[in-house]
Amino acid sequence: MDLIQGLLFITPIFLLAIASPTPDFILVSQQTLSNGKKAGYACTLGIILGVALHIAFAAISLVFMLAYSPTLIWAIKLLGAVFLIVFGLMVLKASLSKHKAKNEAVIEKQTYLKSFAIGFLGNVFNPLAPLFFISLFTIALSADTPPYYIVVYGVWMLVLDFSRFILLIKLLSISKIYKKFQQWGVWIDRVLAASLIVFGGVLISGIGR
């Protein structure tokens, strides 16, 4: 597929994956609610730096595989599709848990540098992140895909991720919206999880055609 088709293909999958409360979501929520918008922004910048490193790792890995082992891409496509299904099941399991984590405010005040570090370390040591980006990239790649496509996809996902955190910080400053999210959050998670599982199933059925 060409660049635009690839963007149109990976964008809804990426948006579904980041729409449910992930660890990054919880970190930004906690920092914003306990220490204010600026702390939320600092935490967001730390997370985005971590995401950029994960994307760079995924891009370098895939460029190497495209150049030296094109046949490996088929196997990674399959693993990527399976990962989306597993990820969806994990989100679904979390939504069904009675002990689902809540975005409770942290009382202790802290510097913006500490908020940045919390965001960066919380993201960069997430073992699922590199697998997630590799799976997304390979879904839209083939052996003859120009390597710069990966760069465009990566930058686009950084923009989307950054935008969702800015929107989250803005929304958390409106108490009514925050309460509604808490009320309907479980059902939102379940719909998103089901969508990811369906996407993964469709991808598996289309591999090799």
C-alpha atoms as a PDB file:
ATOM      1  CA  MET A   1       0.000   0.000   0.000  1.00  0.00           C
ATOM      2  CA  ASP A   2       1.132   3.582  -0.588  1.00  0.00           C
ATOM      3  CA  LEU A   3       1.909   6.136   2.131  1.00  0.00           C
ATOM      4  CA  ILE A   4      -1.595   7.611   2.404  1.00  0.00           C
ATOM      5  CA  GLN A   5      -3.233   4.190   2.473  1.00  0.00           C
ATOM      6  CA  GLY A   6      -0.818   3.135   5.198  1.00  0.00           C
ATOM      7  CA  LEU A   7      -1.662   6.204   7.290  1.00  0.00           C
ATOM      8  CA  LEU A   8      -5.378   5.622   6.836  1.00  0.00           C
ATOM      9  CA  PHE A   9      -4.902   1.990   7.843  1.00  0.00           C
ATOM     10  CA  ILE A  10      -2.796   2.388  10.981  1.00  0.00           C
ATOM     11  CA  THR A  11      -4.489   5.548  12.306  1.00  0.00           C
ATOM     12  CA  PRO A  12      -7.767   3.958  13.513  1.00  0.00           C
ATOM     13  CA  ILE A  13      -5.875   1.031  15.062  1.00  0.00           C
ATOM     14  CA  PHE A  14      -3.523   3.388  16.886  1.00  0.00           C
ATOM     15  CA  LEU A  15      -6.388   5.600  18.061  1.00  0.00           C
ATOM     16  CA  LEU A  16      -8.246   2.570  19.409  1.00  0.00           C
ATOM     17  CA  ALA A  17      -5.150   1.404  21.257  1.00  0.00           C
ATOM     18  CA  ILE A  18      -4.487   4.757  22.949  1.00  0.00           C
ATOM     19  CA  ALA A  19      -8.119   5.610  23.627  1.00  0.00           C
ATOM     20  CA  SER A  20      -8.455   3.328  26.665  1.00  0.00           C
ATOM     21  CA  PRO A  21      -6.768   4.221  29.973  1.00  0.00           C
ATOM     22  CA  THR A  22      -3.193   3.003  29.547  1.00  0.00           C
ATOM     23  CA  PRO A  23      -0.429   3.427  32.172  1.00  0.00           C
ATOM     24  CA  ASP A  24       0.570   6.644  30.355  1.00  0.00           C
ATOM     25  CA  PHE A  25      -3.001   7.882  30.609  1.00  0.00           C
ATOM     26  CA  ILE A  26      -3.031   7.236  34.348  1.00  0.00           C
ATOM     27  CA  LEU A  27       0.326   8.965  34.886  1.00  0.00           C
ATOM     28  CA  VAL A  28      -0.758  12.131  33.072  1.00  0.00           C
ATOM     29  CA  SER A  29      -4.090  12.092  34.919  1.00  0.00           C
ATOM     30  CA  GLN A  30      -2.386  11.790  38.307  1.00  0.00           C
ATOM     31  CA  GLN A  31       0.140  14.515  37.610  1.00  0.00           C
ATOM     32  CA  THR A  32      -2.524  16.878  36.284  1.00  0.00           C
ATOM     33  CA  LEU A  33      -4.991  16.299  39.108  1.00  0.00           C
ATOM     34  CA  SER A  34      -2.415  16.497  41.897  1.00  0.00           C
ATOM     35  CA  ASN A  35       0.031  19.121  40.622  1.00  0.00           C
ATOM     36  CA  GLY A  36      -1.780  21.091  37.941  1.00  0.00           C
ATOM     37  CA  LYS A  37      -1.723  21.497  34.171  1.00  0.00           C
ATOM     38  CA  LYS A  38       1.983  22.349  33.917  1.00  0.00           C
ATOM     39  CA  ALA A  39       2.907  19.127  35.712  1.00  0.00           C
ATOM     40  CA  GLY A  40       0.631  17.279  33.283  1.00  0.00           C
ATOM     41  CA  TYR A  41       2.386  18.907  30.333  1.00  0.00           C
ATOM     42  CA  ALA A  42       5.814  18.027  31.775  1.00  0.00           C
ATOM     43  CA  CYS A  43       4.741  14.427  32.271  1.00  0.00           C
ATOM     44  CA  THR A  44       3.424  14.367  28.702  1.00  0.00           C
ATOM     45  CA  LEU A  45       6.764  15.561  27.302  1.00  0.00           C
ATOM     46  CA  GLY A  46       8.524  12.774  29.206  1.00  0.00           C
ATOM     47  CA  ILE A  47       6.120  10.190  27.820  1.00  0.00           C
ATOM     48  CA  ILE A  48       6.489  11.491  24.250  1.00  0.00           C
ATOM     49  CA  LEU A  49      10.288  11.235  24.536  1.00  0.00           C
ATOM     50  CA  GLY A  50       9.879   7.613  25.632  1.00  0.00           C
ATOM     51  CA  VAL A  51       7.485   6.938  22.751  1.00  0.00           C
ATOM     52  CA  ALA A  52       9.975   8.489  20.316  1.00  0.00           C
ATOM     53  CA  LEU A  53      12.677   6.091  21.538  1.00  0.00           C
ATOM     54  CA  HIS A  54      10.350   3.106  21.135  1.00  0.00           C
ATOM     55  CA  ILE A  55       9.455   4.238  17.611  1.00  0.00           C
ATOM     56  CA  ALA A  56      13.129   4.717  16.717  1.00  0.00           C
ATOM     57  CA  PHE A  57      13.937   1.213  17.976  1.00  0.00           C
ATOM     58  CA  ALA A  58      11.035  -0.267  16.006  1.00  0.00           C
ATOM     59  CA  ALA A  59      11.992   1.673  12.858  1.00  0.00           C
ATOM     60  CA  ILE A  60      15.663   0.628  12.964  1.00  0.00           C
ATOM     61  CA  SER A  61      14.701  -2.988  13.570  1.00  0.00           C
ATOM     62  CA  LEU A  62      12.252  -3.052  10.679  1.00  0.00           C
ATOM     63  CA  VAL A  63      14.555  -1.253   8.236  1.00  0.00           C
ATOM     64  CA  PHE A  64      17.167  -3.912   8.960  1.00  0.00           C
ATOM     65  CA  MET A  65      14.652  -6.712   8.416  1.00  0.00           C
ATOM     66  CA  LEU A  66      13.313  -5.163   5.207  1.00  0.00           C
ATOM     67  CA  ALA A  67      16.849  -4.970   3.839  1.00  0.00           C
ATOM     68  CA  TYR A  68      18.229  -8.323   4.958  1.00  0.00           C
ATOM     69  CA  SER A  69      15.301 -10.596   5.712  1.00  0.00           C
ATOM     70  CA  PRO A  70      12.120  -9.675   3.797  1.00  0.00           C
ATOM     71  CA  THR A  71      10.596 -13.078   4.512  1.00  0.00           C
ATOM     72  CA  LEU A  72      10.700 -12.316   8.222  1.00  0.00           C
ATOM     73  CA  ILE A  73       8.160  -9.535   7.699  1.00  0.00           C
ATOM     74  CA  TRP A  74       5.411 -12.088   7.054  1.00  0.00           C
ATOM     75  CA  ALA A  75       6.030 -13.720  10.425  1.00  0.00           C
ATOM     76  CA  ILE A  76       6.112 -10.353  12.199  1.00  0.00           C
ATOM     77  CA  LYS A  77       2.873  -9.332  10.505  1.00  0.00           C
ATOM     78  CA  LEU A  78       1.273 -12.426  11.980  1.00  0.00           C
ATOM     79  CA  LEU A  79       2.743 -11.736  15.420  1.00  0.00           C
ATOM     80  CA  GLY A  80       1.604  -8.118  15.154  1.00  0.00           C
ATOM     81  CA  ALA A  81      -1.968  -9.152  14.430  1.00  0.00           C
ATOM     82  CA  VAL A  82      -1.892 -11.635  17.323  1.00  0.00           C
ATOM     83  CA  PHE A  83      -0.498  -8.924  19.578  1.00  0.00           C
ATOM     84  CA  LEU A  84      -3.440  -6.641  18.773  1.00  0.00           C
ATOM     85  CA  ILE A  85      -5.828  -9.413  19.774  1.00  0.00           C
ATOM     86  CA  VAL A  86      -3.903 -10.075  22.997  1.00  0.00           C
ATOM     87  CA  PHE A  87      -3.767  -6.359  23.736  1.00  0.00           C
ATOM     88  CA  GLY A  88      -7.526  -6.127  23.232  1.00  0.00           C
ATOM     89  CA  LEU A  89      -8.062  -9.071  25.579  1.00  0.00           C
ATOM     90  CA  MET A  90      -5.862  -7.384  28.194  1.00  0.00           C
ATOM     91  CA  VAL A  91      -7.930  -4.198  28.001  1.00  0.00           C
ATOM     92  CA  LEU A  92     -11.110  -6.261  28.234  1.00  0.00           C
ATOM     93  CA  LYS A  93      -9.796  -8.155  31.266  1.00  0.00           C
ATOM     94  CA  ALA A  94      -8.881  -4.896  32.983  1.00  0.00           C
ATOM     95  CA  SER A  95     -12.363  -3.486  32.352  1.00  0.00           C
ATOM     96  CA  LEU A  96     -13.936  -6.568  33.935  1.00  0.00           C
ATOM     97  CA  SER A  97     -11.747  -6.415  37.029  1.00  0.00           C
ATOM     98  CA  LYS A  98     -13.358  -5.139  40.205  1.00  0.00           C
ATOM     99  CA  HIS A  99     -10.021  -3.694  41.230  1.00  0.00           C
ATOM    100  CA  LYS A 100      -9.410  -1.630  38.124  1.00  0.00           C
ATOM    101  CA  ALA A 101      -6.932   1.171  38.791  1.00  0.00           C
ATOM    102  CA  LYS A 102      -8.454   4.557  39.419  1.00  0.00           C
ATOM    103  CA  ASN A 103      -6.897   7.900  38.567  1.00  0.00           C
ATOM    104  CA  GLU A 104      -6.505   9.024  42.158  1.00  0.00           C
ATOM    105  CA  ALA A 105      -4.615  12.203  42.847  1.00  0.00           C
ATOM    106  CA  VAL A 106      -1.204  12.078  44.490  1.00  0.00           C
ATOM    107  CA  ILE A 107      -1.045  14.473  47.415  1.00  0.00           C
ATOM    108  CA  GLU A 108       2.707  15.102  47.345  1.00  0.00           C
ATOM    109  CA  LYS A 109       3.770  18.165  45.377  1.00  0.00           C
ATOM    110  CA  GLN A 110       6.774  17.906  43.107  1.00  0.00           C
ATOM    111  CA  THR A 111       8.876  19.736  40.552  1.00  0.00           C
ATOM    112  CA  TYR A 112       8.093  19.758  36.853  1.00  0.00           C
ATOM    113  CA  LEU A 113      11.386  17.947  36.241  1.00  0.00           C
ATOM    114  CA  LYS A 114      10.176  15.117  38.456  1.00  0.00           C
ATOM    115  CA  SER A 115       6.877  15.041  36.554  1.00  0.00           C
ATOM    116  CA  PHE A 116       8.874  14.793  33.311  1.00  0.00           C
ATOM    117  CA  ALA A 117      10.988  11.964  34.745  1.00  0.00           C
ATOM    118  CA  ILE A 118       7.893  10.090  35.933  1.00  0.00           C
ATOM    119  CA  GLY A 119       6.413  10.239  32.440  1.00  0.00           C
ATOM    120  CA  PHE A 120       9.636   9.263  30.685  1.00  0.00           C
ATOM    121  CA  LEU A 121      10.583   6.365  32.975  1.00  0.00           C
ATOM    122  CA  GLY A 122       7.004   5.095  33.131  1.00  0.00           C
ATOM    123  CA  ASN A 123       6.878   4.871  29.343  1.00  0.00           C
ATOM    124  CA  VAL A 124      10.402   3.844  28.378  1.00  0.00           C
ATOM    125  CA  PHE A 125      10.311   0.807  30.687  1.00  0.00           C
ATOM    126  CA  ASN A 126       6.951  -0.396  29.385  1.00  0.00           C
ATOM    127  CA  PRO A 127       7.847  -3.762  27.767  1.00  0.00           C
ATOM    128  CA  LEU A 128       4.724  -3.772  25.595  1.00  0.00           C
ATOM    129  CA  ALA A 129       5.472  -0.466  23.857  1.00  0.00           C
ATOM    130  CA  PRO A 130       8.162  -1.625  21.385  1.00  0.00           C
ATOM    131  CA  LEU A 131       6.108  -4.701  20.478  1.00  0.00           C
ATOM    132  CA  PHE A 132       3.094  -2.499  19.873  1.00  0.00           C
ATOM    133  CA  PHE A 133       4.891  -0.140  17.490  1.00  0.00           C
ATOM    134  CA  ILE A 134       6.615  -2.946  15.602  1.00  0.00           C
ATOM    135  CA  SER A 135       3.247  -4.655  15.145  1.00  0.00           C
ATOM    136  CA  LEU A 136       1.656  -1.453  13.842  1.00  0.00           C
ATOM    137  CA  PHE A 137       4.494  -0.718  11.441  1.00  0.00           C
ATOM    138  CA  THR A 138       4.595  -4.197   9.955  1.00  0.00           C
ATOM    139  CA  ILE A 139       0.867  -4.207   9.317  1.00  0.00           C
ATOM    140  CA  ALA A 140       1.347  -1.455   6.719  1.00  0.00           C
ATOM    141  CA  LEU A 141       4.744  -2.580   5.390  1.00  0.00           C
ATOM    142  CA  SER A 142       5.952  -4.978   2.733  1.00  0.00           C
ATOM    143  CA  ALA A 143       9.359  -5.940   1.364  1.00  0.00           C
ATOM    144  CA  ASP A 144       9.292  -3.094  -1.213  1.00  0.00           C
ATOM    145  CA  THR A 145       8.106  -0.356   1.182  1.00  0.00           C
ATOM    146  CA  PRO A 146      10.439   2.688   1.228  1.00  0.00           C
ATOM    147  CA  PRO A 147      12.084   3.015   4.687  1.00  0.00           C
ATOM    148  CA  TYR A 148      11.057   6.676   4.976  1.00  0.00           C
ATOM    149  CA  TYR A 149       7.427   5.513   5.278  1.00  0.00           C
ATOM    150  CA  ILE A 150       8.313   4.256   8.768  1.00  0.00           C
ATOM    151  CA  VAL A 151       9.573   7.730   9.702  1.00  0.00           C
ATOM    152  CA  VAL A 152       6.328   9.333   8.511  1.00  0.00           C
ATOM    153  CA  TYR A 153       4.229   6.775  10.390  1.00  0.00           C
ATOM    154  CA  GLY A 154       6.289   7.336  13.535  1.00  0.00           C
ATOM    155  CA  VAL A 155       6.016  11.124  13.439  1.00  0.00           C
ATOM    156  CA  TRP A 156       2.279  10.872  12.787  1.00  0.00           C
ATOM    157  CA  MET A 157       1.762   8.613  15.807  1.00  0.00           C
ATOM    158  CA  LEU A 158       3.791  10.990  17.986  1.00  0.00           C
ATOM    159  CA  VAL A 159       1.501  13.834  16.900  1.00  0.00           C
ATOM    160  CA  LEU A 160      -1.600  11.766  17.680  1.00  0.00           C
ATOM    161  CA  ASP A 161      -0.258  10.654  21.064  1.00  0.00           C
ATOM    162  CA  PHE A 162       0.771  14.171  22.059  1.00  0.00           C
ATOM    163  CA  SER A 163      -2.607  15.544  20.985  1.00  0.00           C
ATOM    164  CA  ARG A 164      -4.552  13.030  23.086  1.00  0.00           C
ATOM    165  CA  PHE A 165      -2.611  13.980  26.220  1.00  0.00           C
ATOM    166  CA  ILE A 166      -3.168  17.687  25.646  1.00  0.00           C
ATOM    167  CA  LEU A 167      -6.875  16.995  25.176  1.00  0.00           C
ATOM    168  CA  LEU A 168      -6.887  14.827  28.325  1.00  0.00           C
ATOM    169  CA  ILE A 169      -5.304  17.594  30.405  1.00  0.00           C
ATOM    170  CA  LYS A 170      -7.846  20.095  29.124  1.00  0.00           C
ATOM    171  CA  LEU A 171     -10.765  17.760  29.848  1.00  0.00           C
ATOM    172  CA  LEU A 172      -9.563  16.896  33.346  1.00  0.00           C
ATOM    173  CA  SER A 173      -9.830  20.548  34.240  1.00  0.00           C
ATOM    174  CA  ILE A 174     -13.605  20.258  33.670  1.00  0.00           C
ATOM    175  CA  SER A 175     -15.046  18.360  36.629  1.00  0.00           C
ATOM    176  CA  LYS A 176     -18.306  17.334  34.916  1.00  0.00           C
ATOM    177  CA  ILE A 177     -16.487  15.716  32.008  1.00  0.00           C
ATOM    178  CA  TYR A 178     -14.096  13.896  34.342  1.00  0.00           C
ATOM    179  CA  LYS A 179     -16.992  12.463  36.380  1.00  0.00           C
ATOM    180  CA  LYS A 180     -18.763  11.274  33.225  1.00  0.00           C
ATOM    181  CA  PHE A 181     -15.601   9.567  32.033  1.00  0.00           C
ATOM    182  CA  GLN A 182     -15.289   7.768  35.351  1.00  0.00           C
ATOM    183  CA  GLN A 183     -18.916   6.682  35.077  1.00  0.00           C
ATOM    184  CA  TRP A 184     -18.719   5.280  31.539  1.00  0.00           C
ATOM    185  CA  GLY A 185     -15.027   4.348  31.427  1.00  0.00           C
ATOM    186  CA  VAL A 186     -15.569   0.587  31.847  1.00  0.00           C
ATOM    187  CA  TRP A 187     -17.958   0.358  28.909  1.00  0.00           C
ATOM    188  CA  ILE A 188     -15.706   2.522  26.745  1.00  0.00           C
ATOM    189  CA  ASP A 189     -12.857   0.112  27.486  1.00  0.00           C
ATOM    190  CA  ARG A 190     -14.958  -2.885  26.485  1.00  0.00           C
ATOM    191  CA  VAL A 191     -15.962  -1.393  23.145  1.00  0.00           C
ATOM    192  CA  LEU A 192     -12.371  -0.425  22.368  1.00  0.00           C
ATOM    193  CA  ALA A 193     -11.099  -3.875  23.377  1.00  0.00           C
ATOM    194  CA  ALA A 194     -13.637  -5.606  21.151  1.00  0.00           C
ATOM    195  CA  SER A 195     -12.639  -3.359  18.226  1.00  0.00           C
ATOM    196  CA  LEU A 196      -8.944  -4.205  18.652  1.00  0.00           C
ATOM    197  CA  ILE A 197      -9.728  -7.933  18.736  1.00  0.00           C
ATOM    198  CA  VAL A 198     -11.771  -7.630  15.537  1.00  0.00           C
ATOM    199  CA  PHE A 199      -8.969  -5.662  13.840  1.00  0.00           C
ATOM    200  CA  GLY A 200      -6.475  -8.374  14.764  1.00  0.00           C
ATOM    201  CA  GLY A 201      -8.751 -11.096  13.429  1.00  0.00           C
ATOM    202  CA  VAL A 202      -9.265  -9.267  10.141  1.00  0.00           C
ATOM    203  CA  LEU A 203      -5.514  -8.779   9.765  1.00  0.00           C
ATOM    204  CA  ILE A 204      -4.798 -12.482  10.360  1.00  0.00           C
ATOM    205  CA  SER A 205      -7.400 -13.452   7.757  1.00  0.00           C
ATOM    206  CA  GLY A 206      -5.787 -11.103   5.220  1.00  0.00           C
ATOM    207  CA  ILE A 207      -2.160 -12.109   5.696  1.00  0.00           C
ATOM    208  CA  GLY A 208      -0.745 -13.922   2.704  1.00  0.00           C
ATOM    209  CA  ARG A 209      -3.479 -12.888   0.304  1.00  0.00           C
END
